[in-house]
Amino acid sequence: MNYHTRKWIKPEDLNPNRTLFGGRLLEWIDEEAALYAVVQLENQQIVTKFITEIDFKSSAREGDIIEIGIEATAFGRASLTLRCKVRNMMTKELIITIEKIVMVNMDANGKPKPHGKTKIEFVEDRLK
């Protein structure tokens, strides 16, 4: 799994227990999944359709740096399925896992649009 995004945990990211607020982390994961899908499917009109069970393993505290890892696991006709892991960058301790996030490629009218993709493509490969 590649970890593309890092976040520094600041006071505004904390819950009353002084640990990372789960809602903030889910916001970051959803945004990261959308960005990943936008790049892979070459379309900015992407929506989150489904997220499986979210398994919190540990938490993060103010000053920690976390890494968000996303990888594609399946391509559907109009969708891209992803897996996510978040870990503490310094200790490598796992914070959260999500086995399945389904992102859907949309047309200008908000309807699912086939994307024609079958594998991960890297931007540099598209430019050749």
N, C-alpha and C. Protein backbone atom coordinates (compact mmCIF):
# COMPACT_ATOMS: atom_id res chain seq x y z
N MET A 1 0.85 -1.18 0.00
CA MET A 1 0.00 0.00 0.00
C MET A 1 0.89 1.23 0.00
N ASN A 2 0.53 2.20 -0.83
CA ASN A 2 1.27 3.46 -0.87
C ASN A 2 0.58 4.49 0.02
N TYR A 3 1.38 5.19 0.79
CA TYR A 3 0.87 6.23 1.68
C TYR A 3 1.22 7.58 1.04
N HIS A 4 0.20 8.22 0.46
CA HIS A 4 0.42 9.45 -0.30
C HIS A 4 0.23 10.72 0.52
N THR A 5 -0.58 10.66 1.55
CA THR A 5 -0.96 11.87 2.28
C THR A 5 -0.55 11.76 3.73
N ARG A 6 -0.03 12.87 4.23
CA ARG A 6 0.31 12.96 5.65
C ARG A 6 -0.48 14.11 6.26
N LYS A 7 -0.89 13.92 7.49
CA LYS A 7 -1.60 14.96 8.24
C LYS A 7 -0.94 15.12 9.60
N TRP A 8 -0.77 16.36 10.00
CA TRP A 8 -0.22 16.69 11.30
C TRP A 8 -1.39 16.96 12.22
N ILE A 9 -1.50 16.25 13.30
CA ILE A 9 -2.65 16.38 14.20
C ILE A 9 -2.49 17.64 15.04
N LYS A 10 -3.45 18.56 14.87
CA LYS A 10 -3.44 19.86 15.55
C LYS A 10 -4.58 19.94 16.56
N PRO A 11 -4.57 20.94 17.43
CA PRO A 11 -5.62 21.05 18.46
C PRO A 11 -7.04 21.01 17.89
N GLU A 12 -7.26 21.62 16.74
CA GLU A 12 -8.61 21.65 16.17
C GLU A 12 -9.08 20.28 15.65
N ASP A 13 -8.18 19.29 15.59
CA ASP A 13 -8.52 17.95 15.12
C ASP A 13 -8.90 17.00 16.27
N LEU A 14 -8.88 17.49 17.50
CA LEU A 14 -9.05 16.63 18.66
C LEU A 14 -10.49 16.59 19.18
N ASN A 15 -10.84 15.48 19.82
CA ASN A 15 -12.12 15.34 20.50
C ASN A 15 -11.95 15.72 21.98
N PRO A 16 -12.99 15.66 22.79
CA PRO A 16 -12.86 16.00 24.21
C PRO A 16 -11.86 15.13 24.98
N ASN A 17 -11.53 13.95 24.46
CA ASN A 17 -10.54 13.07 25.09
C ASN A 17 -9.10 13.46 24.73
N ARG A 18 -8.98 14.51 23.91
CA ARG A 18 -7.66 15.00 23.44
C ARG A 18 -6.97 14.02 22.49
N THR A 19 -7.79 13.19 21.82
CA THR A 19 -7.28 12.31 20.77
C THR A 19 -7.95 12.71 19.45
N LEU A 20 -7.45 12.20 18.37
CA LEU A 20 -7.97 12.55 17.04
C LEU A 20 -9.46 12.24 16.95
N PHE A 21 -10.25 13.22 16.55
CA PHE A 21 -11.69 13.07 16.34
C PHE A 21 -11.91 12.17 15.13
N GLY A 22 -12.67 11.09 15.31
CA GLY A 22 -12.90 10.14 14.24
C GLY A 22 -13.55 10.75 13.01
N GLY A 23 -14.45 11.71 13.22
CA GLY A 23 -15.10 12.37 12.09
C GLY A 23 -14.12 13.14 11.22
N ARG A 24 -13.13 13.75 11.85
CA ARG A 24 -12.11 14.47 11.08
C ARG A 24 -11.31 13.49 10.23
N LEU A 25 -10.94 12.36 10.84
CA LEU A 25 -10.18 11.35 10.10
C LEU A 25 -10.99 10.81 8.93
N LEU A 26 -12.28 10.55 9.14
CA LEU A 26 -13.12 10.05 8.04
C LEU A 26 -13.26 11.08 6.93
N GLU A 27 -13.30 12.36 7.30
CA GLU A 27 -13.33 13.43 6.28
C GLU A 27 -12.07 13.36 5.43
N TRP A 28 -10.92 13.23 6.06
CA TRP A 28 -9.65 13.16 5.33
C TRP A 28 -9.60 11.92 4.43
N ILE A 29 -10.08 10.78 4.94
CA ILE A 29 -10.08 9.54 4.15
C ILE A 29 -10.98 9.68 2.93
N ASP A 30 -12.18 10.24 3.12
CA ASP A 30 -13.11 10.41 2.00
C ASP A 30 -12.51 11.33 0.93
N GLU A 31 -11.87 12.39 1.38
CA GLU A 31 -11.23 13.31 0.43
C GLU A 31 -10.09 12.61 -0.31
N GLU A 32 -9.27 11.85 0.40
CA GLU A 32 -8.16 11.14 -0.23
C GLU A 32 -8.67 10.11 -1.24
N ALA A 33 -9.73 9.39 -0.88
CA ALA A 33 -10.32 8.40 -1.80
C ALA A 33 -10.85 9.09 -3.05
N ALA A 34 -11.50 10.23 -2.88
CA ALA A 34 -12.04 10.97 -4.03
C ALA A 34 -10.90 11.44 -4.93
N LEU A 35 -9.85 11.98 -4.35
CA LEU A 35 -8.71 12.45 -5.16
C LEU A 35 -8.06 11.30 -5.91
N TYR A 36 -7.92 10.16 -5.25
CA TYR A 36 -7.35 8.98 -5.89
C TYR A 36 -8.21 8.58 -7.09
N ALA A 37 -9.54 8.54 -6.89
CA ALA A 37 -10.45 8.16 -7.97
C ALA A 37 -10.44 9.19 -9.10
N VAL A 38 -10.39 10.46 -8.79
CA VAL A 38 -10.34 11.51 -9.82
C VAL A 38 -9.13 11.30 -10.72
N VAL A 39 -7.98 11.04 -10.12
CA VAL A 39 -6.76 10.85 -10.90
C VAL A 39 -6.85 9.57 -11.74
N GLN A 40 -7.31 8.47 -11.14
CA GLN A 40 -7.38 7.21 -11.86
C GLN A 40 -8.42 7.22 -12.98
N LEU A 41 -9.58 7.81 -12.72
CA LEU A 41 -10.68 7.77 -13.68
C LEU A 41 -10.71 8.98 -14.59
N GLU A 42 -9.81 9.94 -14.35
CA GLU A 42 -9.67 11.14 -15.18
C GLU A 42 -11.00 11.89 -15.31
N ASN A 43 -11.67 12.06 -14.18
CA ASN A 43 -12.95 12.76 -14.14
C ASN A 43 -13.10 13.38 -12.76
N GLN A 44 -13.43 14.65 -12.71
CA GLN A 44 -13.60 15.31 -11.42
C GLN A 44 -14.97 15.06 -10.81
N GLN A 45 -15.86 14.47 -11.54
CA GLN A 45 -17.20 14.20 -11.02
C GLN A 45 -17.25 12.77 -10.47
N ILE A 46 -16.85 12.66 -9.21
CA ILE A 46 -16.76 11.39 -8.51
C ILE A 46 -17.57 11.51 -7.23
N VAL A 47 -18.29 10.46 -6.85
CA VAL A 47 -19.01 10.46 -5.58
C VAL A 47 -18.66 9.19 -4.80
N THR A 48 -18.78 9.29 -3.48
CA THR A 48 -18.61 8.14 -2.61
C THR A 48 -19.95 7.42 -2.55
N LYS A 49 -19.94 6.14 -2.92
CA LYS A 49 -21.18 5.35 -2.90
C LYS A 49 -21.30 4.52 -1.63
N PHE A 50 -20.18 3.97 -1.17
CA PHE A 50 -20.25 2.97 -0.11
C PHE A 50 -18.94 2.91 0.66
N ILE A 51 -19.05 2.79 1.96
CA ILE A 51 -17.88 2.55 2.81
C ILE A 51 -18.26 1.43 3.77
N THR A 52 -17.43 0.38 3.80
CA THR A 52 -17.70 -0.74 4.71
C THR A 52 -17.37 -0.34 6.14
N GLU A 53 -17.43 -1.32 6.99
CA GLU A 53 -17.12 -1.14 8.40
C GLU A 53 -15.77 -0.45 8.58
N ILE A 54 -15.77 0.46 9.52
CA ILE A 54 -14.58 1.24 9.83
C ILE A 54 -14.02 0.65 11.12
N ASP A 55 -12.78 0.20 11.08
CA ASP A 55 -12.20 -0.48 12.22
C ASP A 55 -11.10 0.38 12.84
N PHE A 56 -11.45 1.06 13.95
CA PHE A 56 -10.46 1.86 14.67
C PHE A 56 -9.58 0.94 15.51
N LYS A 57 -8.30 0.97 15.27
CA LYS A 57 -7.34 0.12 15.98
C LYS A 57 -6.67 0.88 17.12
N SER A 58 -6.38 2.16 16.92
CA SER A 58 -5.74 3.00 17.92
C SER A 58 -6.10 4.44 17.58
N SER A 59 -5.51 5.38 18.26
CA SER A 59 -5.81 6.78 17.97
C SER A 59 -4.51 7.54 17.78
N ALA A 60 -4.66 8.82 17.54
CA ALA A 60 -3.51 9.71 17.40
C ALA A 60 -3.73 10.88 18.35
N ARG A 61 -2.64 11.52 18.72
CA ARG A 61 -2.70 12.64 19.64
C ARG A 61 -2.10 13.89 18.99
N GLU A 62 -2.35 15.01 19.61
CA GLU A 62 -1.81 16.27 19.10
C GLU A 62 -0.30 16.14 18.88
N GLY A 63 0.14 16.59 17.73
CA GLY A 63 1.55 16.54 17.37
C GLY A 63 1.94 15.31 16.57
N ASP A 64 1.11 14.26 16.60
CA ASP A 64 1.40 13.08 15.78
C ASP A 64 1.26 13.42 14.30
N ILE A 65 1.97 12.69 13.49
CA ILE A 65 1.82 12.78 12.04
C ILE A 65 1.28 11.44 11.58
N ILE A 66 0.17 11.48 10.86
CA ILE A 66 -0.42 10.23 10.37
C ILE A 66 -0.27 10.17 8.85
N GLU A 67 -0.31 8.96 8.33
CA GLU A 67 -0.24 8.72 6.89
C GLU A 67 -1.50 7.99 6.47
N ILE A 68 -2.05 8.42 5.33
CA ILE A 68 -3.25 7.79 4.78
C ILE A 68 -2.84 6.99 3.54
N GLY A 69 -3.10 5.70 3.58
CA GLY A 69 -2.77 4.83 2.45
C GLY A 69 -4.04 4.38 1.75
N ILE A 70 -4.01 4.47 0.43
CA ILE A 70 -5.15 4.06 -0.40
C ILE A 70 -4.61 3.15 -1.50
N GLU A 71 -5.35 2.08 -1.78
CA GLU A 71 -5.00 1.26 -2.94
C GLU A 71 -6.27 0.76 -3.61
N ALA A 72 -6.22 0.66 -4.92
CA ALA A 72 -7.35 0.15 -5.70
C ALA A 72 -7.39 -1.36 -5.59
N THR A 73 -8.59 -1.90 -5.42
CA THR A 73 -8.75 -3.35 -5.35
C THR A 73 -9.61 -3.91 -6.47
N ALA A 74 -10.44 -3.06 -7.10
CA ALA A 74 -11.31 -3.55 -8.19
C ALA A 74 -11.82 -2.39 -9.02
N PHE A 75 -12.01 -2.66 -10.29
CA PHE A 75 -12.62 -1.70 -11.22
C PHE A 75 -13.96 -2.25 -11.65
N GLY A 76 -15.02 -1.48 -11.44
CA GLY A 76 -16.34 -1.84 -11.94
C GLY A 76 -16.60 -1.09 -13.24
N ARG A 77 -17.79 -1.23 -13.77
CA ARG A 77 -18.14 -0.54 -15.02
C ARG A 77 -18.05 0.97 -14.86
N ALA A 78 -18.59 1.50 -13.76
CA ALA A 78 -18.56 2.94 -13.50
C ALA A 78 -17.95 3.25 -12.13
N SER A 79 -17.38 2.24 -11.49
CA SER A 79 -16.88 2.43 -10.13
C SER A 79 -15.43 2.02 -9.98
N LEU A 80 -14.87 2.44 -8.86
CA LEU A 80 -13.52 2.06 -8.47
C LEU A 80 -13.60 1.72 -6.98
N THR A 81 -13.15 0.52 -6.63
CA THR A 81 -13.17 0.09 -5.23
C THR A 81 -11.77 0.23 -4.65
N LEU A 82 -11.72 0.82 -3.46
CA LEU A 82 -10.45 1.11 -2.80
C LEU A 82 -10.40 0.47 -1.42
N ARG A 83 -9.19 0.32 -0.90
CA ARG A 83 -8.93 -0.11 0.47
C ARG A 83 -8.11 1.01 1.11
N CYS A 84 -8.30 1.21 2.43
CA CYS A 84 -7.60 2.29 3.12
C CYS A 84 -7.01 1.80 4.44
N LYS A 85 -5.82 2.28 4.72
CA LYS A 85 -5.19 2.10 6.03
C LYS A 85 -4.60 3.44 6.43
N VAL A 86 -4.73 3.75 7.71
CA VAL A 86 -4.11 4.96 8.26
C VAL A 86 -3.20 4.51 9.39
N ARG A 87 -1.99 5.07 9.40
CA ARG A 87 -1.04 4.70 10.44
C ARG A 87 -0.29 5.92 10.97
N ASN A 88 0.28 5.75 12.13
CA ASN A 88 1.15 6.78 12.70
C ASN A 88 2.45 6.74 11.91
N MET A 89 2.88 7.86 11.37
CA MET A 89 4.05 7.88 10.51
C MET A 89 5.33 7.47 11.26
N MET A 90 5.46 7.88 12.50
CA MET A 90 6.69 7.62 13.24
C MET A 90 6.74 6.20 13.80
N THR A 91 5.64 5.75 14.38
CA THR A 91 5.65 4.43 15.04
C THR A 91 5.17 3.31 14.12
N LYS A 92 4.52 3.67 13.01
CA LYS A 92 3.90 2.72 12.07
C LYS A 92 2.71 1.99 12.69
N GLU A 93 2.26 2.43 13.88
CA GLU A 93 1.10 1.81 14.52
C GLU A 93 -0.15 2.07 13.68
N LEU A 94 -0.92 1.03 13.42
CA LEU A 94 -2.13 1.13 12.62
C LEU A 94 -3.21 1.86 13.42
N ILE A 95 -3.85 2.84 12.79
CA ILE A 95 -4.89 3.63 13.44
C ILE A 95 -6.28 3.18 13.00
N ILE A 96 -6.44 2.96 11.71
CA ILE A 96 -7.76 2.60 11.17
C ILE A 96 -7.58 1.77 9.90
N THR A 97 -8.54 0.88 9.66
CA THR A 97 -8.60 0.17 8.37
C THR A 97 -10.03 0.24 7.85
N ILE A 98 -10.13 0.37 6.54
CA ILE A 98 -11.42 0.29 5.85
C ILE A 98 -11.18 -0.62 4.65
N GLU A 99 -11.86 -1.73 4.63
CA GLU A 99 -11.62 -2.72 3.57
C GLU A 99 -12.21 -2.33 2.22
N LYS A 100 -13.27 -1.53 2.21
CA LYS A 100 -13.92 -1.26 0.93
C LYS A 100 -14.54 0.14 0.92
N ILE A 101 -14.06 0.94 -0.02
CA ILE A 101 -14.64 2.25 -0.32
C ILE A 101 -14.96 2.23 -1.81
N VAL A 102 -16.22 2.42 -2.16
CA VAL A 102 -16.62 2.40 -3.57
C VAL A 102 -16.88 3.83 -4.02
N MET A 103 -16.12 4.25 -5.03
CA MET A 103 -16.26 5.57 -5.64
C MET A 103 -16.89 5.37 -7.03
N VAL A 104 -17.82 6.25 -7.39
CA VAL A 104 -18.53 6.12 -8.67
C VAL A 104 -18.22 7.32 -9.57
N ASN A 105 -17.93 7.00 -10.80
CA ASN A 105 -17.68 7.97 -11.86
C ASN A 105 -19.03 8.49 -12.36
N MET A 106 -19.20 9.81 -12.40
CA MET A 106 -20.49 10.40 -12.77
C MET A 106 -20.38 11.22 -14.06
N ASP A 107 -21.51 11.34 -14.76
CA ASP A 107 -21.57 12.23 -15.92
C ASP A 107 -22.06 13.61 -15.49
N ALA A 108 -22.22 14.52 -16.43
CA ALA A 108 -22.63 15.89 -16.13
C ALA A 108 -24.03 15.97 -15.53
N ASN A 109 -24.83 14.93 -15.71
CA ASN A 109 -26.20 14.91 -15.17
C ASN A 109 -26.30 14.17 -13.84
N GLY A 110 -25.16 13.78 -13.29
CA GLY A 110 -25.17 13.09 -12.01
C GLY A 110 -25.54 11.62 -12.10
N LYS A 111 -25.38 11.03 -13.25
CA LYS A 111 -25.67 9.60 -13.45
C LYS A 111 -24.36 8.84 -13.57
N PRO A 112 -24.32 7.57 -13.11
CA PRO A 112 -23.10 6.78 -13.26
C PRO A 112 -22.67 6.70 -14.73
N LYS A 113 -21.38 6.89 -14.94
CA LYS A 113 -20.82 6.93 -16.29
C LYS A 113 -19.70 5.88 -16.39
N PRO A 114 -19.79 4.96 -17.36
CA PRO A 114 -18.71 3.99 -17.54
C PRO A 114 -17.38 4.71 -17.77
N HIS A 115 -16.33 4.21 -17.14
CA HIS A 115 -15.03 4.88 -17.24
C HIS A 115 -14.06 4.16 -18.17
N GLY A 116 -14.29 2.90 -18.48
CA GLY A 116 -13.44 2.18 -19.42
C GLY A 116 -12.08 1.77 -18.87
N LYS A 117 -11.86 1.93 -17.59
CA LYS A 117 -10.56 1.59 -16.98
C LYS A 117 -10.60 0.16 -16.44
N THR A 118 -9.46 -0.52 -16.50
CA THR A 118 -9.38 -1.89 -15.99
C THR A 118 -8.19 -2.12 -15.08
N LYS A 119 -7.29 -1.13 -14.98
CA LYS A 119 -6.11 -1.28 -14.15
C LYS A 119 -5.60 0.09 -13.71
N ILE A 120 -4.74 0.08 -12.73
CA ILE A 120 -4.13 1.32 -12.25
C ILE A 120 -3.26 1.90 -13.35
N GLU A 121 -3.40 3.19 -13.57
CA GLU A 121 -2.55 3.91 -14.52
C GLU A 121 -1.84 5.01 -13.79
N PHE A 122 -0.61 5.24 -14.14
CA PHE A 122 0.15 6.34 -13.56
C PHE A 122 0.18 7.47 -14.57
N VAL A 123 0.13 8.70 -14.07
CA VAL A 123 0.03 9.87 -14.94
C VAL A 123 1.15 9.89 -15.97
N GLU A 124 2.36 9.54 -15.56
CA GLU A 124 3.48 9.56 -16.52
C GLU A 124 3.27 8.58 -17.66
N ASP A 125 2.56 7.48 -17.41
CA ASP A 125 2.26 6.50 -18.47
C ASP A 125 1.24 7.04 -19.46
N ARG A 126 0.36 7.92 -19.02
CA ARG A 126 -0.65 8.51 -19.90
C ARG A 126 -0.05 9.53 -20.85
N LEU A 127 1.09 10.09 -20.47
CA LEU A 127 1.69 11.16 -21.25
C LEU A 127 2.59 10.66 -22.36
N LYS A 128 2.80 9.36 -22.44
CA LYS A 128 3.69 8.79 -23.47
C LYS A 128 3.01 8.68 -24.80
